[in-house]
PDB file of N, CA and C in Angstrom:
ATOM      1  N   MET A   1      26.489   4.528   8.844  1.00  0.00           N
ATOM      2  CA  MET A   1      25.389   4.509   7.907  1.00  0.00           C
ATOM      3  C   MET A   1      24.372   3.442   8.318  1.00  0.00           C
ATOM      4  N   ASN A   2      23.135   3.727   8.036  1.00  0.00           N
ATOM      5  CA  ASN A   2      22.075   2.774   8.340  1.00  0.00           C
ATOM      6  C   ASN A   2      21.874   1.814   7.174  1.00  0.00           C
ATOM      7  N   ARG A   3      21.413   0.623   7.500  1.00  0.00           N
ATOM      8  CA  ARG A   3      21.197  -0.426   6.507  1.00  0.00           C
ATOM      9  C   ARG A   3      19.693  -0.591   6.257  1.00  0.00           C
ATOM     10  N   CYS A   4      19.307  -0.708   4.984  1.00  0.00           N
ATOM     11  CA  CYS A   4      17.909  -0.890   4.593  1.00  0.00           C
ATOM     12  C   CYS A   4      17.434  -2.278   5.023  1.00  0.00           C
ATOM     13  N   ASP A   5      16.267  -2.327   5.667  1.00  0.00           N
ATOM     14  CA  ASP A   5      15.704  -3.596   6.116  1.00  0.00           C
ATOM     15  C   ASP A   5      15.247  -4.488   4.964  1.00  0.00           C
ATOM     16  N   VAL A   6      14.988  -3.912   3.794  1.00  0.00           N
ATOM     17  CA  VAL A   6      14.492  -4.697   2.662  1.00  0.00           C
ATOM     18  C   VAL A   6      15.632  -5.205   1.784  1.00  0.00           C
ATOM     19  N   CYS A   7      16.489  -4.291   1.318  1.00  0.00           N
ATOM     20  CA  CYS A   7      17.519  -4.692   0.350  1.00  0.00           C
ATOM     21  C   CYS A   7      18.913  -4.840   0.957  1.00  0.00           C
ATOM     22  N   GLY A   8      19.091  -4.351   2.186  1.00  0.00           N
ATOM     23  CA  GLY A   8      20.378  -4.494   2.853  1.00  0.00           C
ATOM     24  C   GLY A   8      21.414  -3.441   2.502  1.00  0.00           C
ATOM     25  N   ASN A   9      21.051  -2.479   1.653  1.00  0.00           N
ATOM     26  CA  ASN A   9      21.984  -1.433   1.248  1.00  0.00           C
ATOM     27  C   ASN A   9      22.319  -0.507   2.419  1.00  0.00           C
ATOM     28  N   SER A  10      23.577  -0.200   2.597  1.00  0.00           N
ATOM     29  CA  SER A  10      23.999   0.813   3.569  1.00  0.00           C
ATOM     30  C   SER A  10      23.954   2.163   2.879  1.00  0.00           C
ATOM     31  N   TYR A  11      23.266   3.119   3.505  1.00  0.00           N
ATOM     32  CA  TYR A  11      23.023   4.398   2.834  1.00  0.00           C
ATOM     33  C   TYR A  11      23.042   5.521   3.854  1.00  0.00           C
ATOM     34  N   ASP A  12      23.753   6.593   3.543  1.00  0.00           N
ATOM     35  CA  ASP A  12      23.873   7.699   4.492  1.00  0.00           C
ATOM     36  C   ASP A  12      22.597   8.532   4.612  1.00  0.00           C
ATOM     37  N   LYS A  13      21.644   8.350   3.715  1.00  0.00           N
ATOM     38  CA  LYS A  13      20.388   9.098   3.767  1.00  0.00           C
ATOM     39  C   LYS A  13      19.195   8.174   4.055  1.00  0.00           C
ATOM     40  N   ALA A  14      19.457   7.047   4.689  1.00  0.00           N
ATOM     41  CA  ALA A  14      18.381   6.124   5.046  1.00  0.00           C
ATOM     42  C   ALA A  14      17.430   6.812   6.020  1.00  0.00           C
ATOM     43  N   PHE A  15      16.186   6.347   6.041  1.00  0.00           N
ATOM     44  CA  PHE A  15      15.173   6.942   6.918  1.00  0.00           C
ATOM     45  C   PHE A  15      14.387   5.823   7.601  1.00  0.00           C
ATOM     46  N   THR A  16      13.697   6.191   8.667  1.00  0.00           N
ATOM     47  CA  THR A  16      12.935   5.231   9.452  1.00  0.00           C
ATOM     48  C   THR A  16      11.459   5.585   9.408  1.00  0.00           C
ATOM     49  N   ILE A  17      10.626   4.572   9.289  1.00  0.00           N
ATOM     50  CA  ILE A  17       9.174   4.739   9.328  1.00  0.00           C
ATOM     51  C   ILE A  17       8.648   3.909  10.489  1.00  0.00           C
ATOM     52  N   GLU A  18       7.696   4.492  11.211  1.00  0.00           N
ATOM     53  CA  GLU A  18       7.036   3.770  12.287  1.00  0.00           C
ATOM     54  C   GLU A  18       5.529   3.860  12.065  1.00  0.00           C
ATOM     55  N   GLN A  19       4.847   2.713  12.167  1.00  0.00           N
ATOM     56  CA  GLN A  19       3.409   2.667  11.951  1.00  0.00           C
ATOM     57  C   GLN A  19       2.813   1.588  12.847  1.00  0.00           C
ATOM     58  N   GLN A  20       1.934   1.976  13.729  1.00  0.00           N
ATOM     59  CA  GLN A  20       1.221   1.050  14.600  1.00  0.00           C
ATOM     60  C   GLN A  20       2.141   0.009  15.234  1.00  0.00           C
ATOM     61  N   GLY A  21       3.228   0.467  15.808  1.00  0.00           N
ATOM     62  CA  GLY A  21       4.153  -0.416  16.495  1.00  0.00           C
ATOM     63  C   GLY A  21       5.178  -1.108  15.604  1.00  0.00           C
ATOM     64  N   ARG A  22       5.043  -0.994  14.293  1.00  0.00           N
ATOM     65  CA  ARG A  22       6.041  -1.538  13.361  1.00  0.00           C
ATOM     66  C   ARG A  22       7.037  -0.444  13.051  1.00  0.00           C
ATOM     67  N   ARG A  23       8.277  -0.831  12.869  1.00  0.00           N
ATOM     68  CA  ARG A  23       9.328   0.138  12.581  1.00  0.00           C
ATOM     69  C   ARG A  23      10.275  -0.450  11.550  1.00  0.00           C
ATOM     70  N   GLY A  24      10.700   0.375  10.596  1.00  0.00           N
ATOM     71  CA  GLY A  24      11.628  -0.104   9.586  1.00  0.00           C
ATOM     72  C   GLY A  24      12.545   1.005   9.107  1.00  0.00           C
ATOM     73  N   THR A  25      13.734   0.637   8.686  1.00  0.00           N
ATOM     74  CA  THR A  25      14.711   1.570   8.127  1.00  0.00           C
ATOM     75  C   THR A  25      14.880   1.236   6.652  1.00  0.00           C
ATOM     76  N   PHE A  26      14.874   2.275   5.804  1.00  0.00           N
ATOM     77  CA  PHE A  26      14.876   2.064   4.360  1.00  0.00           C
ATOM     78  C   PHE A  26      15.803   3.045   3.655  1.00  0.00           C
ATOM     79  N   ASP A  27      16.310   2.615   2.510  1.00  0.00           N
ATOM     80  CA  ASP A  27      17.181   3.489   1.713  1.00  0.00           C
ATOM     81  C   ASP A  27      16.402   4.180   0.604  1.00  0.00           C
ATOM     82  N   SER A  28      15.142   3.792   0.373  1.00  0.00           N
ATOM     83  CA  SER A  28      14.340   4.390  -0.692  1.00  0.00           C
ATOM     84  C   SER A  28      12.863   4.214  -0.361  1.00  0.00           C
ATOM     85  N   PHE A  29      12.030   5.040  -1.000  1.00  0.00           N
ATOM     86  CA  PHE A  29      10.591   4.876  -0.835  1.00  0.00           C
ATOM     87  C   PHE A  29      10.136   3.550  -1.434  1.00  0.00           C
ATOM     88  N   GLU A  30      10.797   3.105  -2.479  1.00  0.00           N
ATOM     89  CA  GLU A  30      10.459   1.823  -3.088  1.00  0.00           C
ATOM     90  C   GLU A  30      10.535   0.696  -2.065  1.00  0.00           C
ATOM     91  N   CYS A  31      11.601   0.647  -1.293  1.00  0.00           N
ATOM     92  CA  CYS A  31      11.745  -0.397  -0.276  1.00  0.00           C
ATOM     93  C   CYS A  31      10.723  -0.215   0.842  1.00  0.00           C
ATOM     94  N   ALA A  32      10.458   1.029   1.233  1.00  0.00           N
ATOM     95  CA  ALA A  32       9.469   1.292   2.276  1.00  0.00           C
ATOM     96  C   ALA A  32       8.085   0.838   1.826  1.00  0.00           C
ATOM     97  N   ILE A  33       7.732   1.104   0.584  1.00  0.00           N
ATOM     98  CA  ILE A  33       6.447   0.675   0.036  1.00  0.00           C
ATOM     99  C   ILE A  33       6.372  -0.845   0.033  1.00  0.00           C
ATOM    100  N   HIS A  34       7.424  -1.487  -0.384  1.00  0.00           N
ATOM    101  CA  HIS A  34       7.456  -2.951  -0.419  1.00  0.00           C
ATOM    102  C   HIS A  34       7.174  -3.526   0.976  1.00  0.00           C
ATOM    103  N   ALA A  35       7.719  -2.895   2.005  1.00  0.00           N
ATOM    104  CA  ALA A  35       7.591  -3.413   3.360  1.00  0.00           C
ATOM    105  C   ALA A  35       6.294  -2.998   4.054  1.00  0.00           C
ATOM    106  N   PHE A  36       5.789  -1.790   3.777  1.00  0.00           N
ATOM    107  CA  PHE A  36       4.694  -1.249   4.575  1.00  0.00           C
ATOM    108  C   PHE A  36       3.354  -1.118   3.864  1.00  0.00           C
ATOM    109  N   ALA A  37       3.335  -0.930   2.567  1.00  0.00           N
ATOM    110  CA  ALA A  37       2.064  -0.680   1.878  1.00  0.00           C
ATOM    111  C   ALA A  37       1.228  -1.960   1.806  1.00  0.00           C
ATOM    112  N   PRO A  38      -0.070  -1.843   2.065  1.00  0.00           N
ATOM    113  CA  PRO A  38      -0.923  -3.029   1.936  1.00  0.00           C
ATOM    114  C   PRO A  38      -1.093  -3.409   0.465  1.00  0.00           C
ATOM    115  N   SER A  39      -1.499  -4.644   0.231  1.00  0.00           N
ATOM    116  CA  SER A  39      -1.754  -5.127  -1.126  1.00  0.00           C
ATOM    117  C   SER A  39      -3.250  -5.186  -1.371  1.00  0.00           C
ATOM    118  N   CYS A  40      -3.635  -4.912  -2.610  1.00  0.00           N
ATOM    119  CA  CYS A  40      -5.030  -5.018  -3.025  1.00  0.00           C
ATOM    120  C   CYS A  40      -5.474  -6.480  -2.914  1.00  0.00           C
ATOM    121  N   ASP A  41      -6.631  -6.709  -2.294  1.00  0.00           N
ATOM    122  CA  ASP A  41      -7.132  -8.072  -2.138  1.00  0.00           C
ATOM    123  C   ASP A  41      -7.581  -8.696  -3.446  1.00  0.00           C
ATOM    124  N   HIS A  42      -7.730  -7.891  -4.495  1.00  0.00           N
ATOM    125  CA  HIS A  42      -8.139  -8.442  -5.792  1.00  0.00           C
ATOM    126  C   HIS A  42      -6.944  -8.644  -6.726  1.00  0.00           C
ATOM    127  N   CYS A  43      -6.212  -7.567  -7.021  1.00  0.00           N
ATOM    128  CA  CYS A  43      -5.149  -7.668  -8.035  1.00  0.00           C
ATOM    129  C   CYS A  43      -3.751  -7.829  -7.445  1.00  0.00           C
ATOM    130  N   GLY A  44      -3.594  -7.564  -6.151  1.00  0.00           N
ATOM    131  CA  GLY A  44      -2.302  -7.766  -5.500  1.00  0.00           C
ATOM    132  C   GLY A  44      -1.332  -6.602  -5.572  1.00  0.00           C
ATOM    133  N   CYS A  45      -1.697  -5.526  -6.291  1.00  0.00           N
ATOM    134  CA  CYS A  45      -0.764  -4.401  -6.382  1.00  0.00           C
ATOM    135  C   CYS A  45      -0.665  -3.687  -5.033  1.00  0.00           C
ATOM    136  N   ARG A  46       0.425  -3.001  -4.810  1.00  0.00           N
ATOM    137  CA  ARG A  46       0.612  -2.245  -3.581  1.00  0.00           C
ATOM    138  C   ARG A  46      -0.262  -0.999  -3.618  1.00  0.00           C
ATOM    139  N   ILE A  47      -0.921  -0.713  -2.518  1.00  0.00           N
ATOM    140  CA  ILE A  47      -1.801   0.443  -2.422  1.00  0.00           C
ATOM    141  C   ILE A  47      -0.975   1.604  -1.887  1.00  0.00           C
ATOM    142  N   ILE A  48      -0.702   2.562  -2.757  1.00  0.00           N
ATOM    143  CA  ILE A  48       0.161   3.685  -2.404  1.00  0.00           C
ATOM    144  C   ILE A  48      -0.650   4.854  -1.840  1.00  0.00           C
ATOM    145  N   GLY A  49      -1.880   5.013  -2.286  1.00  0.00           N
ATOM    146  CA  GLY A  49      -2.744   6.084  -1.792  1.00  0.00           C
ATOM    147  C   GLY A  49      -3.641   5.579  -0.681  1.00  0.00           C
ATOM    148  N   HIS A  50      -4.819   6.161  -0.585  1.00  0.00           N
ATOM    149  CA  HIS A  50      -5.760   5.780   0.461  1.00  0.00           C
ATOM    150  C   HIS A  50      -6.380   4.419   0.208  1.00  0.00           C
ATOM    151  N   GLY A  51      -6.624   4.092  -1.047  1.00  0.00           N
ATOM    152  CA  GLY A  51      -7.273   2.832  -1.366  1.00  0.00           C
ATOM    153  C   GLY A  51      -8.718   2.853  -0.911  1.00  0.00           C
ATOM    154  N   ALA A  52      -9.338   1.697  -0.890  1.00  0.00           N
ATOM    155  CA  ALA A  52     -10.716   1.544  -0.443  1.00  0.00           C
ATOM    156  C   ALA A  52     -10.774   0.318   0.450  1.00  0.00           C
ATOM    157  N   GLU A  53     -11.527   0.417   1.534  1.00  0.00           N
ATOM    158  CA  GLU A  53     -11.607  -0.680   2.484  1.00  0.00           C
ATOM    159  C   GLU A  53     -13.064  -1.051   2.707  1.00  0.00           C
ATOM    160  N   SER A  54     -13.330  -2.345   2.759  1.00  0.00           N
ATOM    161  CA  SER A  54     -14.671  -2.840   3.029  1.00  0.00           C
ATOM    162  C   SER A  54     -14.557  -4.154   3.794  1.00  0.00           C
ATOM    163  N   ASP A  55     -15.195  -4.207   4.937  1.00  0.00           N
ATOM    164  CA  ASP A  55     -15.181  -5.419   5.770  1.00  0.00           C
ATOM    165  C   ASP A  55     -13.774  -5.949   6.012  1.00  0.00           C
ATOM    166  N   GLY A  56     -12.831  -5.034   6.242  1.00  0.00           N
ATOM    167  CA  GLY A  56     -11.456  -5.425   6.534  1.00  0.00           C
ATOM    168  C   GLY A  56     -10.628  -5.804   5.329  1.00  0.00           C
ATOM    169  N   ARG A  57     -11.212  -5.752   4.131  1.00  0.00           N
ATOM    170  CA  ARG A  57     -10.461  -6.043   2.909  1.00  0.00           C
ATOM    171  C   ARG A  57     -10.058  -4.736   2.257  1.00  0.00           C
ATOM    172  N   MET A  58      -8.836  -4.690   1.717  1.00  0.00           N
ATOM    173  CA  MET A  58      -8.312  -3.479   1.086  1.00  0.00           C
ATOM    174  C   MET A  58      -8.279  -3.656  -0.426  1.00  0.00           C
ATOM    175  N   PHE A  59      -8.659  -2.585  -1.133  1.00  0.00           N
ATOM    176  CA  PHE A  59      -8.641  -2.579  -2.588  1.00  0.00           C
ATOM    177  C   PHE A  59      -7.951  -1.315  -3.074  1.00  0.00           C
ATOM    178  N   CYS A  60      -7.302  -1.410  -4.230  1.00  0.00           N
ATOM    179  CA  CYS A  60      -6.617  -0.235  -4.786  1.00  0.00           C
ATOM    180  C   CYS A  60      -7.600   0.711  -5.470  1.00  0.00           C
ATOM    181  N   CYS A  61      -8.761   0.195  -5.881  1.00  0.00           N
ATOM    182  CA  CYS A  61      -9.740   1.020  -6.592  1.00  0.00           C
ATOM    183  C   CYS A  61     -11.118   0.365  -6.514  1.00  0.00           C
ATOM    184  N   ALA A  62     -12.149   1.124  -6.914  1.00  0.00           N
ATOM    185  CA  ALA A  62     -13.512   0.603  -6.904  1.00  0.00           C
ATOM    186  C   ALA A  62     -13.683  -0.552  -7.896  1.00  0.00           C
ATOM    187  N   HIS A  63     -12.953  -0.512  -9.004  1.00  0.00           N
ATOM    188  CA  HIS A  63     -13.045  -1.598  -9.980  1.00  0.00           C
ATOM    189  C   HIS A  63     -12.659  -2.930  -9.346  1.00  0.00           C
ATOM    190  N   CYS A  64     -11.563  -2.949  -8.608  1.00  0.00           N
ATOM    191  CA  CYS A  64     -11.132  -4.193  -7.957  1.00  0.00           C
ATOM    192  C   CYS A  64     -12.118  -4.606  -6.867  1.00  0.00           C
ATOM    193  N   ALA A  65     -12.685  -3.635  -6.161  1.00  0.00           N
ATOM    194  CA  ALA A  65     -13.695  -3.952  -5.148  1.00  0.00           C
ATOM    195  C   ALA A  65     -14.897  -4.607  -5.798  1.00  0.00           C
ATOM    196  N   GLN A  66     -15.359  -4.040  -6.915  1.00  0.00           N
ATOM    197  CA  GLN A  66     -16.505  -4.584  -7.635  1.00  0.00           C
ATOM    198  C   GLN A  66     -16.197  -5.998  -8.139  1.00  0.00           C
ATOM    199  N   ALA A  67     -15.027  -6.200  -8.677  1.00  0.00           N
ATOM    200  CA  ALA A  67     -14.644  -7.515  -9.188  1.00  0.00           C
ATOM    201  C   ALA A  67     -14.582  -8.561  -8.073  1.00  0.00           C
ATOM    202  N   SER A  68     -14.453  -8.095  -6.825  1.00  0.00           N
ATOM    203  CA  SER A  68     -14.405  -8.995  -5.674  1.00  0.00           C
ATOM    204  C   SER A  68     -15.760  -9.122  -4.990  1.00  0.00           C
ATOM    205  N   GLY A  69     -16.793  -8.523  -5.608  1.00  0.00           N
ATOM    206  CA  GLY A  69     -18.142  -8.663  -5.074  1.00  0.00           C
ATOM    207  C   GLY A  69     -18.611  -7.551  -4.163  1.00  0.00           C
ATOM    208  N   GLU A  70     -17.797  -6.517  -3.967  1.00  0.00           N
ATOM    209  CA  GLU A  70     -18.206  -5.385  -3.147  1.00  0.00           C
ATOM    210  C   GLU A  70     -19.061  -4.445  -3.986  1.00  0.00           C
ATOM    211  N   SER A  71     -19.988  -3.766  -3.357  1.00  0.00           N
ATOM    212  CA  SER A  71     -20.805  -2.800  -4.086  1.00  0.00           C
ATOM    213  C   SER A  71     -20.817  -1.479  -3.326  1.00  0.00           C
ATOM    214  N   GLY A  72     -21.130  -0.419  -4.034  1.00  0.00           N
ATOM    215  CA  GLY A  72     -21.262   0.877  -3.393  1.00  0.00           C
ATOM    216  C   GLY A  72     -20.035   1.758  -3.446  1.00  0.00           C
ATOM    217  N   MET A  73     -18.903   1.251  -3.902  1.00  0.00           N
ATOM    218  CA  MET A  73     -17.704   2.075  -4.009  1.00  0.00           C
ATOM    219  C   MET A  73     -17.679   2.756  -5.367  1.00  0.00           C
ATOM    220  N   VAL A  74     -17.211   3.991  -5.383  1.00  0.00           N
ATOM    221  CA  VAL A  74     -17.194   4.776  -6.609  1.00  0.00           C
ATOM    222  C   VAL A  74     -15.773   5.220  -6.917  1.00  0.00           C
ATOM    223  N   ASP A  75     -15.324   4.973  -8.151  1.00  0.00           N
ATOM    224  CA  ASP A  75     -14.050   5.515  -8.609  1.00  0.00           C
ATOM    225  C   ASP A  75     -14.268   6.958  -8.971  1.00  0.00           C
ATOM    226  N   ARG A  76     -13.360   7.819  -8.608  1.00  0.00           N
ATOM    227  CA  ARG A  76     -13.495   9.235  -8.920  1.00  0.00           C
ATOM    228  C   ARG A  76     -13.281   9.515 -10.395  1.00  0.00           C
ATOM    229  N   THR A  77     -12.531   8.649 -11.079  1.00  0.00           N
ATOM    230  CA  THR A  77     -12.179   8.934 -12.476  1.00  0.00           C
ATOM    231  C   THR A  77     -13.370   8.834 -13.407  1.00  0.00           C
ATOM    232  N   GLY A  78     -14.216   7.812 -13.251  1.00  0.00           N
ATOM    233  CA  GLY A  78     -15.328   7.633 -14.171  1.00  0.00           C
ATOM    234  C   GLY A  78     -16.675   7.933 -13.553  1.00  0.00           C
ATOM    235  N   GLY A  79     -16.716   8.035 -12.234  1.00  0.00           N
ATOM    236  CA  GLY A  79     -17.969   8.296 -11.561  1.00  0.00           C
ATOM    237  C   GLY A  79     -18.934   7.133 -11.573  1.00  0.00           C
ATOM    238  N   GLU A  80     -18.497   5.970 -12.099  1.00  0.00           N
ATOM    239  CA  GLU A  80     -19.384   4.816 -12.137  1.00  0.00           C
ATOM    240  C   GLU A  80     -19.435   4.153 -10.776  1.00  0.00           C
ATOM    241  N   ARG A  81     -20.619   3.747 -10.407  1.00  0.00           N
ATOM    242  CA  ARG A  81     -20.799   3.092  -9.120  1.00  0.00           C
ATOM    243  C   ARG A  81     -20.404   1.619  -9.246  1.00  0.00           C
ATOM    244  N   ALA A  82     -19.617   1.164  -8.298  1.00  0.00           N
ATOM    245  CA  ALA A  82     -19.181  -0.241  -8.295  1.00  0.00           C
ATOM    246  C   ALA A  82     -20.204  -1.099  -7.582  1.00  0.00           C
TER     247      ALA A  82
END
């Protein structure tokens, strides 16, 4: 059985993710997200979807981008321009 790189659990259904030269083995998507997903530069939450990027900074949504001084990003939910 493979061992999860995050929690150390041995699991017969563990899986491996490779991204830009990084590689990790995980027992759950939760652990994979903890290890691989970027964090929002404003609120710190893990970005599970595409997120928004500006000048090398990552945001989970246009609201967080706006709160960090970025402009021009639009949230799809409200259509308001950030």
